[in-house]
Amino acid sequence: MWAILFWCSVAVIFYPYLGYPSLLFLFGKLRREKASESKSNYLPTVCLFISAFNEEKIIRRKIENSLALSYPREKLRILIASDGSTDATVQIPKNYSDMGVELFHQPQRRGKSAVINDVMENLTEEIVVFTDANCLFEEDALEKLIQHFSDPRIGCVVGKLNYVERHRSSVGKGEGVYWKYESRISILESALKSVLVATGPIFAIRRNLFSRLYPDVANDFQLPVEIASRGYGVVYEPEAVAIERSTIFWREEFKRKVRIILRGLTGFAILKSKFRGFRLWQFLSHKLIRWTVAPFLFLILISNIMLVGSSWFYTVVLAFQSIFYLAAMNGWRLKRTSKPRSIFYVPFYFTMVNFAAIVAIAQFLAGKRLRVWEKAESARFAPAPAKGKNAAAASNREDAGLAPHSETAAPQTSSSTAQLKK
C-alpha cells in the first residue's frame, strides 16, 4: 500500500513538470504543420494599452519607453488607462499629450477588467497590445508581436517577459528560473498554436476578437481562452521582449502567487465550458495538477518514511528529501543574501510557491474572489531609465541603493520621482 501511494504521488508531481512538456514536444513532432510565414512589412494600426494604478514612480519612464518604440508612430496609439489612481499618475501623461499620448481615467477603482471593458468599446485599431506600467519594451517588441497577425489564423500573440533583478535575492533568482522554464513551455505550446495563457505585461490580440471581461478573471487568462475557443491560434514570440523588476521580498512574491492562482481557479470555474479537448488537457496538465502538488509532496514524505526499512532505495530518497527541505529552510533564512546559491533558492522558491497554491485553493473554496490588488512595491520601484534596446542592460546597472531594503520600510524617492513632485 505504501509503495503504491509513494509511486502514484511521484507520478503526480513529475507529470506537470516533465511529462507534460515531453508530450508537447512529441505532439509537435508528430504534427509537423508547416509554419506560416510572418510578414515583417505587415503594419496594421495598433493601440498600446497601458494599465495603471498609482504608478507615479514609473509612468514617465513607461511613456518615454513607449514613444521610443520603433513601430511607425502614425500607426501607433499610446493609451494609459488609470483605474482609480490617486497620485500623480493622472497628471504626468498630460505632459505628453502633444506627442499623442492619451489618458483614460476612471476615478473610482473598479478593477483592471472593468477599465479594459470601458476603453475597448471605443477603440478602432486593428490590434491591441496589453501591457503594464511597470515593464519596459525592447525597441522592436511591437514589430515582433505584430508580424504574426499577417496570418489570419492567429488571434493572439504572447511576448516574452524577462525579469531583471536589482538585488540578488532568493525570491528574485527563483522567479527568474521559473520564468525560463515557463518560456520553454510556451515555445512547445506555440508550436501547436495553442499557448494556454498570456503573459500580462506583453501580449496582443485582434481587436475584433475581444470579449468583455469578467471582473474576477484576469485579462491575460480570459482572452487567450476565448480566442482559442473560437478556433484562432495563440502563439508565443520569444523575440518580443518586455523587462520587469523581480520582487525582492518573499512576502510580496507569496501574495502575488496566491493572487495569480486564485484568479486562475476563478477563471477556470467561470470559463470551463470554453476548455474542450486538447485545451482542457493543457489546462489540467499545465496548471491545475501543478497547483495541487503540495499534498502529494507530503504523501511522498510520509510514505517514504514508512518504506525506509524495505529497501536501500527508499533510504536514499528520504535522504534526498531531507536535504531538499533543509535547503529550502536555509534558502528562507538567506532570502536577502547578496549571493544566493541555487542549491538554496530553488528549493525555497519551489516550496514557497506550493504553499501559496494551498492558500489560494483554500481561499477559492471559501468563496474569496479578487477584482483589484496592489502591485509589489519592490517590483514597481525605480525602473530602468533607458529606452528601447538598451533598457535591460541599463536596468542591471541601476543603483541598487534606491530600492527598499525591508518589507516594511518606505522606499526612498529616486531623483526622477523627486523632480516630478516639484
Protein backbone atom coordinates (compact mmCIF):
# COMPACT_ATOMS: atom_id res chain seq x y z
CA MET A 1 0.00 0.00 0.00
CA TRP A 2 2.71 2.47 0.99
CA ALA A 3 4.66 1.70 -2.18
CA ILE A 4 1.60 2.35 -4.34
CA LEU A 5 0.96 5.64 -2.54
CA PHE A 6 4.61 6.63 -2.96
CA TRP A 7 4.83 5.93 -6.69
CA CYS A 8 1.43 7.43 -7.50
CA SER A 9 2.44 10.62 -5.69
CA VAL A 10 5.76 10.70 -7.53
CA ALA A 11 3.91 10.37 -10.85
CA VAL A 12 1.54 13.22 -9.98
CA ILE A 13 4.44 15.52 -9.09
CA PHE A 14 6.66 14.74 -12.05
CA TYR A 15 3.91 14.72 -14.68
CA PRO A 16 3.20 18.50 -14.90
CA TYR A 17 6.90 19.41 -14.78
CA LEU A 18 8.38 16.71 -17.04
CA GLY A 19 5.59 14.61 -18.55
CA TYR A 20 3.54 17.50 -19.94
CA PRO A 21 6.41 19.25 -21.77
CA SER A 22 7.63 15.88 -23.07
CA LEU A 23 4.21 15.14 -24.54
CA LEU A 24 4.02 18.63 -26.05
CA PHE A 25 7.37 18.03 -27.73
CA LEU A 26 6.13 14.69 -29.09
CA PHE A 27 2.87 16.17 -30.37
CA GLY A 28 4.81 18.97 -32.05
CA LYS A 29 7.00 16.44 -33.86
CA LEU A 30 4.02 14.34 -34.93
CA ARG A 31 2.00 17.30 -36.14
CA ARG A 32 4.72 18.74 -38.36
CA GLU A 33 2.47 21.53 -39.56
CA LYS A 34 4.19 23.91 -41.91
CA ALA A 35 4.81 27.16 -40.11
CA SER A 36 3.14 30.18 -41.64
CA GLU A 37 5.46 32.87 -42.91
CA SER A 38 5.24 36.11 -40.98
CA LYS A 39 5.44 39.29 -42.98
CA SER A 40 7.84 41.80 -41.47
CA ASN A 41 6.24 44.60 -43.52
CA TYR A 42 2.79 43.92 -42.07
CA LEU A 43 1.98 47.12 -40.19
CA PRO A 44 -1.65 47.38 -39.04
CA THR A 45 -2.89 50.08 -36.70
CA VAL A 46 -2.05 49.29 -33.08
CA CYS A 47 -3.22 50.52 -29.71
CA LEU A 48 -0.70 50.13 -26.89
CA PHE A 49 -2.96 49.73 -23.85
CA ILE A 50 -1.11 50.57 -20.62
CA SER A 51 -2.92 49.61 -17.42
CA ALA A 52 -2.01 51.77 -14.43
CA PHE A 53 -2.84 52.29 -10.78
CA ASN A 54 -0.79 54.73 -8.68
CA GLU A 55 2.27 54.46 -10.91
CA GLU A 56 3.81 57.92 -10.38
CA LYS A 57 7.23 56.38 -9.74
CA ILE A 58 7.41 54.76 -13.15
CA ILE A 59 4.75 56.10 -15.51
CA ARG A 60 7.05 58.73 -17.05
CA ARG A 61 9.64 56.08 -17.87
CA LYS A 62 6.94 53.85 -19.35
CA ILE A 63 5.67 56.68 -21.56
CA GLU A 64 9.15 57.55 -22.81
CA ASN A 65 9.88 53.90 -23.47
CA SER A 66 6.64 53.60 -25.46
CA LEU A 67 7.41 56.72 -27.50
CA ALA A 68 10.86 55.29 -28.32
CA LEU A 69 9.45 52.09 -29.85
CA SER A 70 10.36 51.60 -33.50
CA TYR A 71 6.79 50.92 -34.67
CA PRO A 72 5.57 53.63 -37.12
CA ARG A 73 4.26 56.42 -34.93
CA GLU A 74 1.37 57.28 -37.25
CA LYS A 75 0.02 53.75 -36.77
CA LEU A 76 0.54 53.56 -33.02
CA ARG A 77 -1.86 54.84 -30.40
CA ILE A 78 -0.50 55.04 -26.84
CA LEU A 79 -3.26 54.94 -24.27
CA ILE A 80 -2.86 54.94 -20.49
CA ALA A 81 -5.85 53.55 -18.59
CA SER A 82 -5.90 54.58 -14.94
CA ASP A 83 -8.07 52.60 -12.56
CA GLY A 84 -8.78 54.97 -9.70
CA SER A 85 -5.25 56.34 -9.34
CA THR A 86 -4.92 58.87 -6.52
CA ASP A 87 -1.35 60.02 -7.12
CA ALA A 88 0.40 61.85 -9.98
CA THR A 89 -0.32 59.01 -12.43
CA VAL A 90 -3.14 61.11 -13.88
CA GLN A 91 -1.14 64.35 -14.18
CA ILE A 92 2.11 63.07 -15.68
CA PRO A 93 0.67 61.77 -19.01
CA LYS A 94 -0.79 65.21 -19.68
CA ASN A 95 2.76 66.46 -20.23
CA TYR A 96 2.93 64.14 -23.26
CA SER A 97 -0.44 64.89 -24.78
CA ASP A 98 1.15 66.91 -27.59
CA MET A 99 3.04 63.72 -28.52
CA GLY A 100 -0.19 61.81 -28.90
CA VAL A 101 -0.24 60.07 -25.52
CA GLU A 102 -3.83 59.64 -24.36
CA LEU A 103 -5.22 59.16 -20.87
CA PHE A 104 -8.38 57.41 -19.72
CA HIS A 105 -9.01 57.90 -16.01
CA GLN A 106 -11.67 56.06 -14.05
CA PRO A 107 -11.97 57.98 -10.74
CA GLN A 108 -13.49 55.06 -8.87
CA ARG A 109 -11.33 51.97 -8.60
CA ARG A 110 -13.29 49.08 -10.12
CA GLY A 111 -10.54 46.74 -11.26
CA LYS A 112 -8.42 46.32 -14.36
CA SER A 113 -11.02 44.25 -16.23
CA ALA A 114 -13.73 46.91 -15.79
CA VAL A 115 -11.45 49.62 -17.19
CA ILE A 116 -10.46 47.47 -20.15
CA ASN A 117 -14.14 46.83 -20.94
CA ASP A 118 -14.88 50.57 -20.88
CA VAL A 119 -11.95 51.54 -23.10
CA MET A 120 -12.27 48.72 -25.64
CA GLU A 121 -15.75 49.91 -26.66
CA ASN A 122 -14.25 52.97 -28.33
CA LEU A 123 -11.08 51.58 -29.89
CA THR A 124 -10.81 51.29 -33.65
CA GLU A 125 -7.25 49.96 -34.08
CA GLU A 126 -6.85 46.53 -35.64
CA ILE A 127 -4.52 45.19 -32.94
CA VAL A 128 -4.49 45.88 -29.20
CA VAL A 129 -1.29 45.27 -27.22
CA PHE A 130 -1.80 44.96 -23.48
CA THR A 131 0.97 45.94 -21.08
CA ASP A 132 1.56 47.16 -17.54
CA ALA A 133 3.12 50.40 -16.38
CA ASN A 134 5.98 48.71 -14.53
CA CYS A 135 7.55 46.97 -17.53
CA LEU A 136 9.57 48.27 -20.47
CA PHE A 137 9.58 47.02 -24.05
CA GLU A 138 12.62 46.38 -26.16
CA GLU A 139 12.65 48.77 -29.12
CA ASP A 140 11.38 46.26 -31.71
CA ALA A 141 8.96 44.39 -29.45
CA LEU A 142 5.83 45.61 -31.24
CA GLU A 143 7.05 44.60 -34.70
CA LYS A 144 7.93 41.15 -33.40
CA LEU A 145 4.47 40.74 -31.90
CA ILE A 146 2.51 42.20 -34.78
CA GLN A 147 4.16 40.25 -37.61
CA HIS A 148 2.29 37.08 -36.58
CA PHE A 149 -1.06 38.71 -37.31
CA SER A 150 -0.25 38.67 -41.01
CA ASP A 151 -1.55 35.10 -40.70
CA PRO A 152 -5.37 35.43 -40.44
CA ARG A 153 -5.49 32.22 -38.38
CA ILE A 154 -3.62 33.85 -35.48
CA GLY A 155 -5.76 35.67 -32.93
CA CYS A 156 -3.39 36.25 -30.00
CA VAL A 157 0.39 36.66 -29.69
CA VAL A 158 2.24 36.45 -26.38
CA GLY A 159 5.60 38.11 -25.81
CA LYS A 160 8.48 37.16 -23.54
CA LEU A 161 8.87 38.66 -20.08
CA ASN A 162 12.39 38.93 -18.70
CA TYR A 163 12.84 39.61 -15.01
CA VAL A 164 15.68 41.94 -14.07
CA GLU A 165 16.98 41.80 -10.52
CA ARG A 166 18.06 44.82 -8.57
CA HIS A 167 19.04 42.67 -5.59
CA ARG A 168 20.28 39.11 -5.84
CA SER A 169 17.59 37.71 -3.54
CA SER A 170 16.38 34.12 -3.30
CA VAL A 171 12.95 35.29 -4.43
CA GLY A 172 14.27 37.12 -7.50
CA LYS A 173 16.55 34.28 -8.52
CA GLY A 174 13.81 31.72 -8.02
CA GLU A 175 11.36 33.73 -10.12
CA GLY A 176 13.97 34.00 -12.87
CA VAL A 177 14.41 30.23 -13.01
CA TYR A 178 10.64 29.75 -13.04
CA TRP A 179 10.15 32.10 -15.99
CA LYS A 180 12.91 30.46 -18.00
CA TYR A 181 11.10 27.17 -17.56
CA GLU A 182 7.75 28.74 -18.48
CA SER A 183 9.29 30.22 -21.62
CA ARG A 184 10.31 26.74 -22.74
CA ILE A 185 6.76 25.51 -22.15
CA SER A 186 5.38 28.44 -24.17
CA ILE A 187 7.67 27.58 -27.09
CA LEU A 188 6.38 24.00 -27.10
CA GLU A 189 2.75 25.14 -26.87
CA SER A 190 3.31 27.73 -29.58
CA ALA A 191 4.49 25.04 -32.00
CA LEU A 192 0.93 23.73 -31.72
CA LYS A 193 -0.52 27.29 -31.91
CA SER A 194 -2.04 26.68 -28.50
CA VAL A 195 -0.32 28.79 -25.84
CA LEU A 196 -2.54 28.29 -22.81
CA VAL A 197 -2.47 31.71 -21.16
CA ALA A 198 -0.80 35.03 -21.93
CA THR A 199 1.91 36.99 -20.14
CA GLY A 200 0.10 40.02 -18.74
CA PRO A 201 2.83 42.65 -19.35
CA ILE A 202 3.13 41.86 -23.07
CA PHE A 203 0.51 40.24 -25.29
CA ALA A 204 -1.59 41.28 -28.27
CA ILE A 205 -4.99 40.37 -29.72
CA ARG A 206 -7.08 41.23 -32.73
CA ARG A 207 -9.49 43.90 -31.51
CA ASN A 208 -12.47 42.27 -33.24
CA LEU A 209 -11.90 39.11 -31.18
CA PHE A 210 -12.20 40.89 -27.85
CA SER A 211 -14.80 39.52 -25.45
CA ARG A 212 -15.98 41.51 -22.45
CA LEU A 213 -14.03 40.52 -19.39
CA TYR A 214 -15.44 39.07 -16.22
CA PRO A 215 -14.49 41.24 -13.22
CA ASP A 216 -12.93 38.33 -11.30
CA VAL A 217 -10.87 36.94 -14.22
CA ALA A 218 -7.51 38.27 -15.40
CA ASN A 219 -7.41 39.54 -18.98
CA ASP A 220 -4.26 37.51 -19.73
CA PHE A 221 -6.19 34.37 -18.75
CA GLN A 222 -9.60 35.02 -20.28
CA LEU A 223 -8.69 36.49 -23.67
CA PRO A 224 -6.43 33.64 -24.91
CA VAL A 225 -9.05 31.14 -23.72
CA GLU A 226 -11.89 32.94 -25.53
CA ILE A 227 -9.86 33.42 -28.71
CA ALA A 228 -8.69 29.80 -28.85
CA SER A 229 -12.25 28.56 -28.27
CA ARG A 230 -13.23 30.37 -31.49
CA GLY A 231 -10.66 28.44 -33.49
CA TYR A 232 -7.85 31.01 -33.67
CA GLY A 233 -4.24 30.25 -32.89
CA VAL A 234 -2.44 31.58 -29.82
CA VAL A 235 1.33 31.78 -30.33
CA TYR A 236 4.44 32.86 -28.45
CA GLU A 237 7.10 35.21 -29.79
CA PRO A 238 10.31 34.98 -27.71
CA GLU A 239 11.92 37.90 -29.55
CA ALA A 240 9.19 40.32 -28.44
CA VAL A 241 10.75 41.17 -25.10
CA ALA A 242 9.49 43.11 -22.11
CA ILE A 243 11.53 43.63 -18.96
CA GLU A 244 10.22 43.96 -15.43
CA ARG A 245 11.72 44.14 -11.98
CA SER A 246 11.52 40.95 -9.98
CA THR A 247 10.15 41.20 -6.48
CA ILE A 248 12.70 41.36 -3.68
CA PHE A 249 10.74 40.20 -0.67
CA TRP A 250 9.29 36.74 -0.21
CA ARG A 251 6.03 38.04 1.32
CA GLU A 252 5.38 40.11 -1.80
CA GLU A 253 6.05 37.15 -4.07
CA PHE A 254 3.98 34.85 -1.88
CA LYS A 255 0.97 37.18 -2.04
CA ARG A 256 1.44 37.58 -5.79
CA LYS A 257 1.43 33.81 -6.32
CA VAL A 258 -1.67 33.40 -4.17
CA ARG A 259 -3.42 36.09 -6.20
CA ILE A 260 -2.42 34.57 -9.57
CA ILE A 261 -3.54 31.06 -8.62
CA LEU A 262 -6.78 32.29 -7.05
CA ARG A 263 -7.60 34.24 -10.21
CA GLY A 264 -6.67 31.23 -12.34
CA LEU A 265 -9.01 28.94 -10.41
CA THR A 266 -11.75 31.56 -10.67
CA GLY A 267 -11.16 31.88 -14.41
CA PHE A 268 -11.39 28.16 -14.96
CA ALA A 269 -14.59 27.91 -12.90
CA ILE A 270 -16.22 30.65 -14.99
CA LEU A 271 -14.83 29.64 -18.40
CA LYS A 272 -14.76 25.85 -18.05
CA SER A 273 -17.16 25.45 -20.97
CA LYS A 274 -14.50 27.09 -23.20
CA PHE A 275 -11.98 24.36 -22.36
CA ARG A 276 -12.53 21.36 -24.58
CA GLY A 277 -10.41 18.51 -25.85
CA PHE A 278 -6.76 19.44 -26.23
CA ARG A 279 -7.11 22.77 -24.41
CA LEU A 280 -8.76 21.08 -21.43
CA TRP A 281 -5.88 18.60 -21.25
CA GLN A 282 -3.46 21.52 -21.40
CA PHE A 283 -5.09 23.32 -18.50
CA LEU A 284 -5.22 20.23 -16.33
CA SER A 285 -1.59 19.38 -17.10
CA HIS A 286 -0.03 22.82 -17.12
CA LYS A 287 -1.97 24.48 -14.32
CA LEU A 288 -4.45 22.51 -12.22
CA ILE A 289 -2.32 19.47 -11.41
CA ARG A 290 0.68 21.69 -10.70
CA TRP A 291 -1.38 23.77 -8.27
CA THR A 292 -2.32 20.60 -6.33
CA VAL A 293 1.22 19.22 -5.99
CA ALA A 294 1.70 20.21 -2.32
CA PRO A 295 -0.43 17.43 -0.74
CA PHE A 296 1.39 14.85 -2.85
CA LEU A 297 4.74 16.16 -1.62
CA PHE A 298 3.51 15.44 1.90
CA LEU A 299 2.30 11.96 0.88
CA ILE A 300 5.67 11.17 -0.68
CA LEU A 301 7.44 12.14 2.52
CA ILE A 302 5.12 10.08 4.77
CA SER A 303 5.09 7.01 2.53
CA ASN A 304 8.86 7.27 2.07
CA ILE A 305 9.36 7.20 5.85
CA MET A 306 7.16 4.11 6.11
CA LEU A 307 9.15 2.36 3.36
CA VAL A 308 12.67 3.09 4.62
CA GLY A 309 13.23 -0.37 6.08
CA SER A 310 12.13 -2.21 2.94
CA SER A 311 14.89 -1.11 0.53
CA TRP A 312 18.08 0.95 0.36
CA PHE A 313 16.44 2.92 -2.47
CA TYR A 314 13.83 4.44 -0.15
CA THR A 315 16.55 5.32 2.35
CA VAL A 316 18.43 7.24 -0.33
CA VAL A 317 15.27 9.00 -1.50
CA LEU A 318 14.42 10.02 2.08
CA ALA A 319 17.92 11.42 2.46
CA PHE A 320 17.48 13.50 -0.70
CA GLN A 321 14.08 14.74 0.51
CA SER A 322 15.58 15.74 3.86
CA ILE A 323 18.41 17.62 2.14
CA PHE A 324 15.90 19.36 -0.16
CA TYR A 325 13.71 20.67 2.66
CA LEU A 326 16.72 21.66 4.77
CA ALA A 327 17.99 23.59 1.75
CA ALA A 328 14.57 25.26 1.42
CA MET A 329 14.70 26.30 5.07
CA ASN A 330 18.20 27.67 4.60
CA GLY A 331 17.05 29.47 1.46
CA TRP A 332 14.39 31.19 3.55
CA ARG A 333 16.97 32.12 6.17
CA LEU A 334 19.25 33.55 3.48
CA LYS A 335 16.45 35.10 1.41
CA ARG A 336 18.18 38.51 1.21
CA THR A 337 21.77 37.28 0.93
CA SER A 338 23.92 39.12 -1.60
CA LYS A 339 24.88 35.94 -3.44
CA PRO A 340 22.12 33.31 -3.16
CA ARG A 341 23.05 29.84 -4.34
CA SER A 342 20.74 27.72 -6.48
CA ILE A 343 21.08 24.83 -4.05
CA PHE A 344 19.13 27.03 -1.60
CA TYR A 345 16.93 29.41 -3.60
CA VAL A 346 15.43 26.79 -5.95
CA PRO A 347 14.12 24.56 -3.09
CA PHE A 348 13.00 27.67 -1.20
CA TYR A 349 11.09 29.09 -4.16
CA PHE A 350 9.54 25.73 -5.08
CA THR A 351 8.35 25.17 -1.53
CA MET A 352 7.01 28.71 -1.19
CA VAL A 353 5.05 28.51 -4.45
CA ASN A 354 3.43 25.23 -3.47
CA PHE A 355 2.45 26.61 -0.09
CA ALA A 356 0.95 29.64 -1.88
CA ALA A 357 -1.09 27.22 -4.00
CA ILE A 358 -2.56 25.63 -0.86
CA VAL A 359 -3.55 29.06 0.46
CA ALA A 360 -5.08 30.06 -2.90
CA ILE A 361 -7.11 26.85 -3.16
CA ALA A 362 -8.38 27.32 0.41
CA GLN A 363 -9.39 30.90 -0.38
CA PHE A 364 -11.12 29.81 -3.59
CA LEU A 365 -13.11 27.10 -1.79
CA ALA A 366 -14.03 29.66 0.88
CA GLY A 367 -15.53 31.88 -1.82
CA LYS A 368 -12.92 34.62 -1.97
CA ARG A 369 -12.60 36.45 -5.30
CA LEU A 370 -10.31 39.29 -6.44
CA ARG A 371 -11.10 42.26 -8.66
CA VAL A 372 -8.34 44.66 -7.60
CA TRP A 373 -4.93 44.27 -5.99
CA GLU A 374 -1.73 46.13 -5.26
CA LYS A 375 1.46 45.52 -7.20
CA ALA A 376 4.53 44.51 -5.22
CA GLU A 377 6.22 47.78 -4.29
CA SER A 378 9.72 46.45 -4.90
CA ALA A 379 8.74 45.44 -8.45
CA ARG A 380 7.46 48.87 -9.42
CA PHE A 381 10.17 50.98 -7.79
CA ALA A 382 12.77 52.93 -9.78
CA PRO A 383 12.54 51.34 -13.23
CA ALA A 384 15.31 51.43 -15.80
CA PRO A 385 15.95 54.87 -17.25
CA ALA A 386 16.97 53.56 -20.67
CA LYS A 387 14.86 53.44 -23.78
CA GLY A 388 14.48 50.72 -26.36
CA LYS A 389 17.09 48.05 -26.97
CA ASN A 390 19.39 49.04 -24.12
CA ALA A 391 16.73 49.01 -21.42
CA ALA A 392 17.60 45.60 -19.99
CA ALA A 393 21.31 46.34 -19.75
CA ALA A 394 20.67 49.69 -18.11
CA SER A 395 18.37 48.05 -15.59
CA ASN A 396 21.22 45.87 -14.41
CA ARG A 397 23.47 48.90 -13.99
CA GLU A 398 20.98 50.89 -11.94
CA ASP A 399 21.98 51.84 -8.42
CA ALA A 400 20.70 49.16 -6.07
CA GLY A 401 20.67 51.62 -3.20
CA LEU A 402 17.45 53.19 -4.44
CA ALA A 403 15.41 50.08 -3.66
CA PRO A 404 13.61 49.48 -0.36
CA HIS A 405 15.70 47.34 1.99
CA SER A 406 12.95 45.86 4.13
CA GLU A 407 9.37 44.85 3.55
CA THR A 408 8.07 47.43 5.97
CA ALA A 409 10.39 50.27 5.06
CA ALA A 410 9.07 53.01 2.85
CA PRO A 411 11.06 53.23 -0.38
CA GLN A 412 13.36 56.15 -0.85
CA THR A 413 12.49 58.64 -3.52
CA SER A 414 14.55 58.50 -6.67
CA SER A 415 15.79 61.71 -8.22
CA SER A 416 13.42 61.40 -11.16
CA THR A 417 10.45 60.97 -8.85
CA ALA A 418 11.54 63.94 -6.78
CA GLN A 419 11.62 66.08 -9.90
CA LEU A 420 8.05 65.12 -10.71
CA LYS A 421 6.89 66.34 -7.31
CA LYS A 422 8.47 69.79 -7.61
